[in-house]
Amino acid sequence: VSFTLTNTGKFDGEEVVQLYLRDQVGSVVRP
C-alpha cells in the first residue's frame, strides 16, 4: 500500500501516518 504525503504548510514537521484495516465479514464479528 503506497501513497504520497505532502507537507502543505509553512513549517517543517512530522506526521504520524496511521494504517487501519477493516475485515468486512468474519466468522466472528470484527471491529
Full PDB file with SEQRES, HELIX, SHEET, SSBOND, CRYST1, ORIGX, SCALE, CONECT and MASTER records, all heavy atoms in Angstrom:
SEQRES   1 A   31  VAL SER PHE THR LEU THR ASN THR GLY LYS PHE ASP GLY          
SEQRES   2 A   31  GLU GLU VAL VAL GLN LEU TYR LEU ARG ASP GLN VAL GLY          
SEQRES   3 A   31  SER VAL VAL ARG PRO                                          
CRYST1    1.000    1.000    1.000  90.00  90.00  90.00 P 1           1          
ORIGX1      1.000000  0.000000  0.000000        0.00000                         
ORIGX2      0.000000  1.000000  0.000000        0.00000                         
ORIGX3      0.000000  0.000000  1.000000        0.00000                         
SCALE1      1.000000  0.000000  0.000000        0.00000                         
SCALE2      0.000000  1.000000  0.000000        0.00000                         
SCALE3      0.000000  0.000000  1.000000        0.00000                         
ATOM      1  N   VAL A   1       0.857  -1.176   0.000  1.00  0.00           N  
ATOM      2  CA  VAL A   1       0.000   0.000   0.000  1.00  0.00           C  
ATOM      3  C   VAL A   1       0.897   1.231   0.000  1.00  0.00           C  
ATOM      4  O   VAL A   1       1.757   1.378   0.865  1.00  0.00           O  
ATOM      5  CB  VAL A   1      -0.910   0.023   1.247  1.00  0.00           C  
ATOM      6  CG1 VAL A   1      -1.768   1.276   1.260  1.00  0.00           C  
ATOM      7  CG2 VAL A   1      -1.774  -1.231   1.301  1.00  0.00           C  
ATOM      8  N   SER A   2       0.720   2.103  -0.965  1.00  0.00           N  
ATOM      9  CA  SER A   2       1.563   3.303  -1.027  1.00  0.00           C  
ATOM     10  C   SER A   2       0.711   4.529  -1.323  1.00  0.00           C  
ATOM     11  O   SER A   2      -0.377   4.425  -1.904  1.00  0.00           O  
ATOM     12  CB  SER A   2       2.647   3.150  -2.099  1.00  0.00           C  
ATOM     13  OG  SER A   2       2.074   3.005  -3.380  1.00  0.00           O  
ATOM     14  N   PHE A   3       1.198   5.673  -0.890  1.00  0.00           N  
ATOM     15  CA  PHE A   3       0.538   6.938  -1.185  1.00  0.00           C  
ATOM     16  C   PHE A   3       1.571   8.040  -1.029  1.00  0.00           C  
ATOM     17  O   PHE A   3       2.703   7.819  -0.574  1.00  0.00           O  
ATOM     18  CB  PHE A   3      -0.655   7.173  -0.245  1.00  0.00           C  
ATOM     19  CG  PHE A   3      -0.272   7.518   1.164  1.00  0.00           C  
ATOM     20  CD1 PHE A   3      -0.272   8.840   1.602  1.00  0.00           C  
ATOM     21  CD2 PHE A   3       0.112   6.529   2.055  1.00  0.00           C  
ATOM     22  CE1 PHE A   3       0.094   9.157   2.896  1.00  0.00           C  
ATOM     23  CE2 PHE A   3       0.476   6.845   3.353  1.00  0.00           C  
ATOM     24  CZ  PHE A   3       0.464   8.169   3.770  1.00  0.00           C  
ATOM     25  N   THR A   4       1.195   9.250  -1.411  1.00  0.00           N  
ATOM     26  CA  THR A   4       2.095  10.398  -1.307  1.00  0.00           C  
ATOM     27  C   THR A   4       1.659  11.299  -0.172  1.00  0.00           C  
ATOM     28  O   THR A   4       0.493  11.687  -0.079  1.00  0.00           O  
ATOM     29  CB  THR A   4       2.115  11.197  -2.624  1.00  0.00           C  
ATOM     30  OG1 THR A   4       2.570  10.341  -3.678  1.00  0.00           O  
ATOM     31  CG2 THR A   4       3.052  12.394  -2.514  1.00  0.00           C  
ATOM     32  N   LEU A   5       2.599  11.605   0.702  1.00  0.00           N  
ATOM     33  CA  LEU A   5       2.370  12.526   1.809  1.00  0.00           C  
ATOM     34  C   LEU A   5       3.079  13.838   1.494  1.00  0.00           C  
ATOM     35  O   LEU A   5       4.268  13.842   1.165  1.00  0.00           O  
ATOM     36  CB  LEU A   5       2.903  11.945   3.119  1.00  0.00           C  
ATOM     37  CG  LEU A   5       2.704  12.803   4.371  1.00  0.00           C  
ATOM     38  CD1 LEU A   5       1.230  12.847   4.751  1.00  0.00           C  
ATOM     39  CD2 LEU A   5       3.531  12.247   5.539  1.00  0.00           C  
ATOM     40  N   THR A   6       2.361  14.948   1.589  1.00  0.00           N  
ATOM     41  CA  THR A   6       2.922  16.267   1.272  1.00  0.00           C  
ATOM     42  C   THR A   6       2.722  17.216   2.440  1.00  0.00           C  
ATOM     43  O   THR A   6       1.618  17.325   2.985  1.00  0.00           O  
ATOM     44  CB  THR A   6       2.266  16.857   0.020  1.00  0.00           C  
ATOM     45  OG1 THR A   6       2.414  15.951  -1.072  1.00  0.00           O  
ATOM     46  CG2 THR A   6       2.900  18.195  -0.349  1.00  0.00           C  
ATOM     47  N   ASN A   7       3.776  17.893   2.831  1.00  0.00           N  
ATOM     48  CA  ASN A   7       3.685  18.948   3.831  1.00  0.00           C  
ATOM     49  C   ASN A   7       3.238  20.212   3.119  1.00  0.00           C  
ATOM     50  O   ASN A   7       4.003  20.843   2.395  1.00  0.00           O  
ATOM     51  CB  ASN A   7       5.051  19.153   4.503  1.00  0.00           C  
ATOM     52  CG  ASN A   7       5.017  20.201   5.604  1.00  0.00           C  
ATOM     53  OD1 ASN A   7       4.128  21.049   5.648  1.00  0.00           O  
ATOM     54  ND2 ASN A   7       5.999  20.161   6.496  1.00  0.00           N  
ATOM     55  N   THR A   8       1.986  20.583   3.315  1.00  0.00           N  
ATOM     56  CA  THR A   8       1.388  21.699   2.580  1.00  0.00           C  
ATOM     57  C   THR A   8       1.400  23.011   3.360  1.00  0.00           C  
ATOM     58  O   THR A   8       0.822  24.007   2.917  1.00  0.00           O  
ATOM     59  CB  THR A   8      -0.067  21.349   2.206  1.00  0.00           C  
ATOM     60  OG1 THR A   8      -0.772  20.945   3.392  1.00  0.00           O  
ATOM     61  CG2 THR A   8      -0.100  20.218   1.197  1.00  0.00           C  
ATOM     62  N   GLY A   9       2.051  23.009   4.530  1.00  0.00           N  
ATOM     63  CA  GLY A   9       2.072  24.213   5.349  1.00  0.00           C  
ATOM     64  C   GLY A   9       3.386  24.965   5.265  1.00  0.00           C  
ATOM     65  O   GLY A   9       4.214  24.724   4.384  1.00  0.00           O  
ATOM     66  N   LYS A  10       3.575  25.849   6.239  1.00  0.00           N  
ATOM     67  CA  LYS A  10       4.746  26.732   6.237  1.00  0.00           C  
ATOM     68  C   LYS A  10       5.848  26.267   7.185  1.00  0.00           C  
ATOM     69  O   LYS A  10       6.917  26.876   7.236  1.00  0.00           O  
ATOM     70  CB  LYS A  10       4.319  28.151   6.622  1.00  0.00           C  
ATOM     71  CG  LYS A  10       3.329  28.780   5.650  1.00  0.00           C  
ATOM     72  CD  LYS A  10       2.921  30.170   6.116  1.00  0.00           C  
ATOM     73  CE  LYS A  10       1.918  30.800   5.150  1.00  0.00           C  
ATOM     74  NZ  LYS A  10       1.495  32.158   5.616  1.00  0.00           N  
ATOM     75  N   PHE A  11       5.594  25.210   7.936  1.00  0.00           N  
ATOM     76  CA  PHE A  11       6.564  24.749   8.919  1.00  0.00           C  
ATOM     77  C   PHE A  11       7.046  23.339   8.581  1.00  0.00           C  
ATOM     78  O   PHE A  11       6.261  22.503   8.099  1.00  0.00           O  
ATOM     79  CB  PHE A  11       5.951  24.718  10.327  1.00  0.00           C  
ATOM     80  CG  PHE A  11       5.536  26.064  10.856  1.00  0.00           C  
ATOM     81  CD1 PHE A  11       4.255  26.546  10.608  1.00  0.00           C  
ATOM     82  CD2 PHE A  11       6.407  26.833  11.599  1.00  0.00           C  
ATOM     83  CE1 PHE A  11       3.850  27.779  11.106  1.00  0.00           C  
ATOM     84  CE2 PHE A  11       6.019  28.068  12.098  1.00  0.00           C  
ATOM     85  CZ  PHE A  11       4.746  28.557  11.846  1.00  0.00           C  
ATOM     86  N   ASP A  12       8.304  23.048   8.854  1.00  0.00           N  
ATOM     87  CA  ASP A  12       8.770  21.670   8.826  1.00  0.00           C  
ATOM     88  C   ASP A  12       8.042  20.917   9.934  1.00  0.00           C  
ATOM     89  O   ASP A  12       7.764  21.479  11.001  1.00  0.00           O  
ATOM     90  CB  ASP A  12      10.275  21.591   9.083  1.00  0.00           C  
ATOM     91  CG  ASP A  12      11.102  22.350   8.048  1.00  0.00           C  
ATOM     92  OD1 ASP A  12      10.551  22.688   6.986  1.00  0.00           O  
ATOM     93  OD2 ASP A  12      12.299  22.592   8.322  1.00  0.00           O  
ATOM     94  N   GLY A  13       7.755  19.643   9.715  1.00  0.00           N  
ATOM     95  CA  GLY A  13       7.023  18.920  10.755  1.00  0.00           C  
ATOM     96  C   GLY A  13       6.989  17.429  10.525  1.00  0.00           C  
ATOM     97  O   GLY A  13       7.416  16.924   9.483  1.00  0.00           O  
ATOM     98  N   GLU A  14       6.470  16.720  11.542  1.00  0.00           N  
ATOM     99  CA  GLU A  14       6.336  15.267  11.500  1.00  0.00           C  
ATOM    100  C   GLU A  14       4.855  14.889  11.500  1.00  0.00           C  
ATOM    101  O   GLU A  14       4.056  15.498  12.203  1.00  0.00           O  
ATOM    102  CB  GLU A  14       7.002  14.634  12.722  1.00  0.00           C  
ATOM    103  CG  GLU A  14       8.504  14.831  12.783  1.00  0.00           C  
ATOM    104  CD  GLU A  14       9.059  14.437  14.140  1.00  0.00           C  
ATOM    105  OE1 GLU A  14       8.840  15.188  15.105  1.00  0.00           O  
ATOM    106  OE2 GLU A  14       9.700  13.382  14.226  1.00  0.00           O  
ATOM    107  N   GLU A  15       4.545  13.874  10.731  1.00  0.00           N  
ATOM    108  CA  GLU A  15       3.188  13.341  10.717  1.00  0.00           C  
ATOM    109  C   GLU A  15       3.238  11.856  11.067  1.00  0.00           C  
ATOM    110  O   GLU A  15       4.080  11.110  10.547  1.00  0.00           O  
ATOM    111  CB  GLU A  15       2.553  13.524   9.334  1.00  0.00           C  
ATOM    112  CG  GLU A  15       1.215  12.837   9.133  1.00  0.00           C  
ATOM    113  CD  GLU A  15       0.054  13.511   9.872  1.00  0.00           C  
ATOM    114  OE1 GLU A  15       0.286  14.067  10.954  1.00  0.00           O  
ATOM    115  OE2 GLU A  15      -1.075  13.461   9.364  1.00  0.00           O  
ATOM    116  N   VAL A  16       2.357  11.433  11.968  1.00  0.00           N  
ATOM    117  CA  VAL A  16       2.207  10.009  12.259  1.00  0.00           C  
ATOM    118  C   VAL A  16       1.123   9.474  11.336  1.00  0.00           C  
ATOM    119  O   VAL A  16      -0.072   9.700  11.547  1.00  0.00           O  
ATOM    120  CB  VAL A  16       1.839   9.761  13.727  1.00  0.00           C  
ATOM    121  CG1 VAL A  16       1.652   8.262  13.979  1.00  0.00           C  
ATOM    122  CG2 VAL A  16       2.919  10.315  14.650  1.00  0.00           C  
ATOM    123  N   VAL A  17       1.545   8.798  10.296  1.00  0.00           N  
ATOM    124  CA  VAL A  17       0.631   8.225   9.308  1.00  0.00           C  
ATOM    125  C   VAL A  17       0.126   6.892   9.843  1.00  0.00           C  
ATOM    126  O   VAL A  17       0.917   6.026  10.223  1.00  0.00           O  
ATOM    127  CB  VAL A  17       1.347   8.019   7.962  1.00  0.00           C  
ATOM    128  CG1 VAL A  17       0.417   7.360   6.966  1.00  0.00           C  
ATOM    129  CG2 VAL A  17       1.874   9.338   7.433  1.00  0.00           C  
ATOM    130  N   GLN A  18      -1.179   6.715   9.893  1.00  0.00           N  
ATOM    131  CA  GLN A  18      -1.783   5.540  10.513  1.00  0.00           C  
ATOM    132  C   GLN A  18      -2.531   4.704   9.482  1.00  0.00           C  
ATOM    133  O   GLN A  18      -3.341   5.236   8.718  1.00  0.00           O  
ATOM    134  CB  GLN A  18      -2.729   5.992  11.625  1.00  0.00           C  
ATOM    135  CG  GLN A  18      -2.024   6.801  12.701  1.00  0.00           C  
ATOM    136  CD  GLN A  18      -2.953   7.665  13.528  1.00  0.00           C  
ATOM    137  OE1 GLN A  18      -3.994   7.197  13.987  1.00  0.00           O  
ATOM    138  NE2 GLN A  18      -2.584   8.935  13.732  1.00  0.00           N  
ATOM    139  N   LEU A  19      -2.237   3.415   9.476  1.00  0.00           N  
ATOM    140  CA  LEU A  19      -2.906   2.483   8.572  1.00  0.00           C  
ATOM    141  C   LEU A  19      -3.866   1.616   9.377  1.00  0.00           C  
ATOM    142  O   LEU A  19      -3.465   0.941  10.328  1.00  0.00           O  
ATOM    143  CB  LEU A  19      -1.894   1.603   7.844  1.00  0.00           C  
ATOM    144  CG  LEU A  19      -2.474   0.611   6.821  1.00  0.00           C  
ATOM    145  CD1 LEU A  19      -1.513   0.423   5.649  1.00  0.00           C  
ATOM    146  CD2 LEU A  19      -2.778  -0.764   7.436  1.00  0.00           C  
ATOM    147  N   TYR A  20      -5.130   1.674   9.004  1.00  0.00           N  
ATOM    148  CA  TYR A  20      -6.170   0.867   9.633  1.00  0.00           C  
ATOM    149  C   TYR A  20      -6.725  -0.116   8.609  1.00  0.00           C  
ATOM    150  O   TYR A  20      -6.764   0.175   7.405  1.00  0.00           O  
ATOM    151  CB  TYR A  20      -7.305   1.748  10.161  1.00  0.00           C  
ATOM    152  CG  TYR A  20      -6.893   2.711  11.256  1.00  0.00           C  
ATOM    153  CD1 TYR A  20      -6.378   3.969  10.942  1.00  0.00           C  
ATOM    154  CD2 TYR A  20      -7.027   2.356  12.590  1.00  0.00           C  
ATOM    155  CE1 TYR A  20      -6.003   4.857  11.945  1.00  0.00           C  
ATOM    156  CE2 TYR A  20      -6.650   3.237  13.600  1.00  0.00           C  
ATOM    157  CZ  TYR A  20      -6.134   4.486  13.273  1.00  0.00           C  
ATOM    158  OH  TYR A  20      -5.762   5.357  14.270  1.00  0.00           O  
ATOM    159  N   LEU A  21      -7.155  -1.277   9.101  1.00  0.00           N  
ATOM    160  CA  LEU A  21      -7.815  -2.266   8.260  1.00  0.00           C  
ATOM    161  C   LEU A  21      -9.187  -2.586   8.841  1.00  0.00           C  
ATOM    162  O   LEU A  21      -9.376  -2.567  10.062  1.00  0.00           O  
ATOM    163  CB  LEU A  21      -6.997  -3.554   8.177  1.00  0.00           C  
ATOM    164  CG  LEU A  21      -5.653  -3.494   7.445  1.00  0.00           C  
ATOM    165  CD1 LEU A  21      -4.965  -4.846   7.521  1.00  0.00           C  
ATOM    166  CD2 LEU A  21      -5.842  -3.077   5.991  1.00  0.00           C  
ATOM    167  N   ARG A  22     -10.115  -2.875   7.933  1.00  0.00           N  
ATOM    168  CA  ARG A  22     -11.411  -3.396   8.369  1.00  0.00           C  
ATOM    169  C   ARG A  22     -11.697  -4.690   7.634  1.00  0.00           C  
ATOM    170  O   ARG A  22     -11.711  -4.724   6.397  1.00  0.00           O  
ATOM    171  CB  ARG A  22     -12.537  -2.403   8.102  1.00  0.00           C  
ATOM    172  CG  ARG A  22     -13.888  -2.967   8.572  1.00  0.00           C  
ATOM    173  CD  ARG A  22     -15.024  -1.990   8.517  1.00  0.00           C  
ATOM    174  NE  ARG A  22     -16.226  -2.580   9.110  1.00  0.00           N  
ATOM    175  CZ  ARG A  22     -17.396  -1.967   9.206  1.00  0.00           C  
ATOM    176  NH1 ARG A  22     -17.517  -0.730   8.738  1.00  0.00           N  
ATOM    177  NH2 ARG A  22     -18.431  -2.559   9.758  1.00  0.00           N  
ATOM    178  N   ASP A  23     -11.870  -5.750   8.407  1.00  0.00           N  
ATOM    179  CA  ASP A  23     -12.273  -7.047   7.877  1.00  0.00           C  
ATOM    180  C   ASP A  23     -13.796  -6.999   7.745  1.00  0.00           C  
ATOM    181  O   ASP A  23     -14.519  -6.935   8.735  1.00  0.00           O  
ATOM    182  CB  ASP A  23     -11.836  -8.137   8.851  1.00  0.00           C  
ATOM    183  CG  ASP A  23     -11.998  -9.533   8.287  1.00  0.00           C  
ATOM    184  OD1 ASP A  23     -12.692  -9.684   7.267  1.00  0.00           O  
ATOM    185  OD2 ASP A  23     -11.428 -10.477   8.866  1.00  0.00           O  
ATOM    186  N   GLN A  24     -14.271  -7.007   6.501  1.00  0.00           N  
ATOM    187  CA  GLN A  24     -15.687  -6.729   6.255  1.00  0.00           C  
ATOM    188  C   GLN A  24     -16.630  -7.791   6.814  1.00  0.00           C  
ATOM    189  O   GLN A  24     -17.697  -7.469   7.337  1.00  0.00           O  
ATOM    190  CB  GLN A  24     -15.927  -6.586   4.740  1.00  0.00           C  
ATOM    191  CG  GLN A  24     -15.059  -5.526   4.058  1.00  0.00           C  
ATOM    192  CD  GLN A  24     -15.575  -4.112   4.256  1.00  0.00           C  
ATOM    193  OE1 GLN A  24     -16.171  -3.800   5.272  1.00  0.00           O  
ATOM    194  NE2 GLN A  24     -15.327  -3.243   3.291  1.00  0.00           N  
ATOM    195  N   VAL A  25     -16.239  -9.064   6.714  1.00  0.00           N  
ATOM    196  CA  VAL A  25     -17.090 -10.158   7.198  1.00  0.00           C  
ATOM    197  C   VAL A  25     -16.190 -11.229   7.809  1.00  0.00           C  
ATOM    198  O   VAL A  25     -15.188 -11.614   7.207  1.00  0.00           O  
ATOM    199  CB  VAL A  25     -17.924 -10.784   6.060  1.00  0.00           C  
ATOM    200  CG1 VAL A  25     -18.766 -11.946   6.595  1.00  0.00           C  
ATOM    201  CG2 VAL A  25     -18.814  -9.740   5.395  1.00  0.00           C  
ATOM    202  N   GLY A  26     -16.535 -11.701   9.003  1.00  0.00           N  
ATOM    203  CA  GLY A  26     -15.731 -12.730   9.641  1.00  0.00           C  
ATOM    204  C   GLY A  26     -16.590 -13.788  10.292  1.00  0.00           C  
ATOM    205  O   GLY A  26     -17.808 -13.625  10.455  1.00  0.00           O  
ATOM    206  N   SER A  27     -15.943 -14.866  10.706  1.00  0.00           N  
ATOM    207  CA  SER A  27     -16.666 -15.932  11.410  1.00  0.00           C  
ATOM    208  C   SER A  27     -17.070 -15.488  12.813  1.00  0.00           C  
ATOM    209  O   SER A  27     -17.932 -16.098  13.450  1.00  0.00           O  
ATOM    210  CB  SER A  27     -15.795 -17.188  11.497  1.00  0.00           C  
ATOM    211  OG  SER A  27     -14.583 -16.910  12.184  1.00  0.00           O  
ATOM    212  N   VAL A  28     -16.405 -14.448  13.310  1.00  0.00           N  
ATOM    213  CA  VAL A  28     -16.848 -13.716  14.494  1.00  0.00           C  
ATOM    214  C   VAL A  28     -16.834 -12.245  14.108  1.00  0.00           C  
ATOM    215  O   VAL A  28     -16.118 -11.831  13.198  1.00  0.00           O  
ATOM    216  CB  VAL A  28     -15.932 -13.966  15.719  1.00  0.00           C  
ATOM    217  CG1 VAL A  28     -16.023 -15.407  16.184  1.00  0.00           C  
ATOM    218  CG2 VAL A  28     -14.487 -13.594  15.416  1.00  0.00           C  
ATOM    219  N   VAL A  29     -17.625 -11.430  14.796  1.00  0.00           N  
ATOM    220  CA  VAL A  29     -17.699 -10.027  14.397  1.00  0.00           C  
ATOM    221  C   VAL A  29     -16.344  -9.356  14.589  1.00  0.00           C  
ATOM    222  O   VAL A  29     -15.603  -9.657  15.514  1.00  0.00           O  
ATOM    223  CB  VAL A  29     -18.793  -9.261  15.170  1.00  0.00           C  
ATOM    224  CG1 VAL A  29     -20.152  -9.795  14.807  1.00  0.00           C  
ATOM    225  CG2 VAL A  29     -18.567  -9.340  16.673  1.00  0.00           C  
ATOM    226  N   ARG A  30     -16.038  -8.419  13.676  1.00  0.00           N  
ATOM    227  CA  ARG A  30     -14.746  -7.745  13.677  1.00  0.00           C  
ATOM    228  C   ARG A  30     -14.947  -6.251  13.943  1.00  0.00           C  
ATOM    229  O   ARG A  30     -16.004  -5.687  13.644  1.00  0.00           O  
ATOM    230  CB  ARG A  30     -14.043  -7.933  12.323  1.00  0.00           C  
ATOM    231  CG  ARG A  30     -13.914  -9.381  11.867  1.00  0.00           C  
ATOM    232  CD  ARG A  30     -13.042 -10.212  12.816  1.00  0.00           C  
ATOM    233  NE  ARG A  30     -11.726  -9.636  12.932  1.00  0.00           N  
ATOM    234  CZ  ARG A  30     -11.127  -9.364  14.105  1.00  0.00           C  
ATOM    235  NH1 ARG A  30     -11.744  -9.605  15.247  1.00  0.00           N  
ATOM    236  NH2 ARG A  30      -9.924  -8.834  14.132  1.00  0.00           N  
ATOM    237  N   PRO A  31     -13.940  -5.576  14.491  1.00  0.00           N  
ATOM    238  CA  PRO A  31     -14.064  -4.144  14.779  1.00  0.00           C  
ATOM    239  C   PRO A  31     -14.282  -3.309  13.519  1.00  0.00           C  
ATOM    240  O   PRO A  31     -13.962  -3.743  12.404  1.00  0.00           O  
ATOM    241  CB  PRO A  31     -12.720  -3.803  15.432  1.00  0.00           C  
ATOM    242  CG  PRO A  31     -12.204  -5.099  15.957  1.00  0.00           C  
ATOM    243  CD  PRO A  31     -12.668  -6.138  14.980  1.00  0.00           C  
TER     244      PRO A  31                                                      
MASTER        0    0    0    0    0    0    0    6  243    1    0    3          
END                                                                             
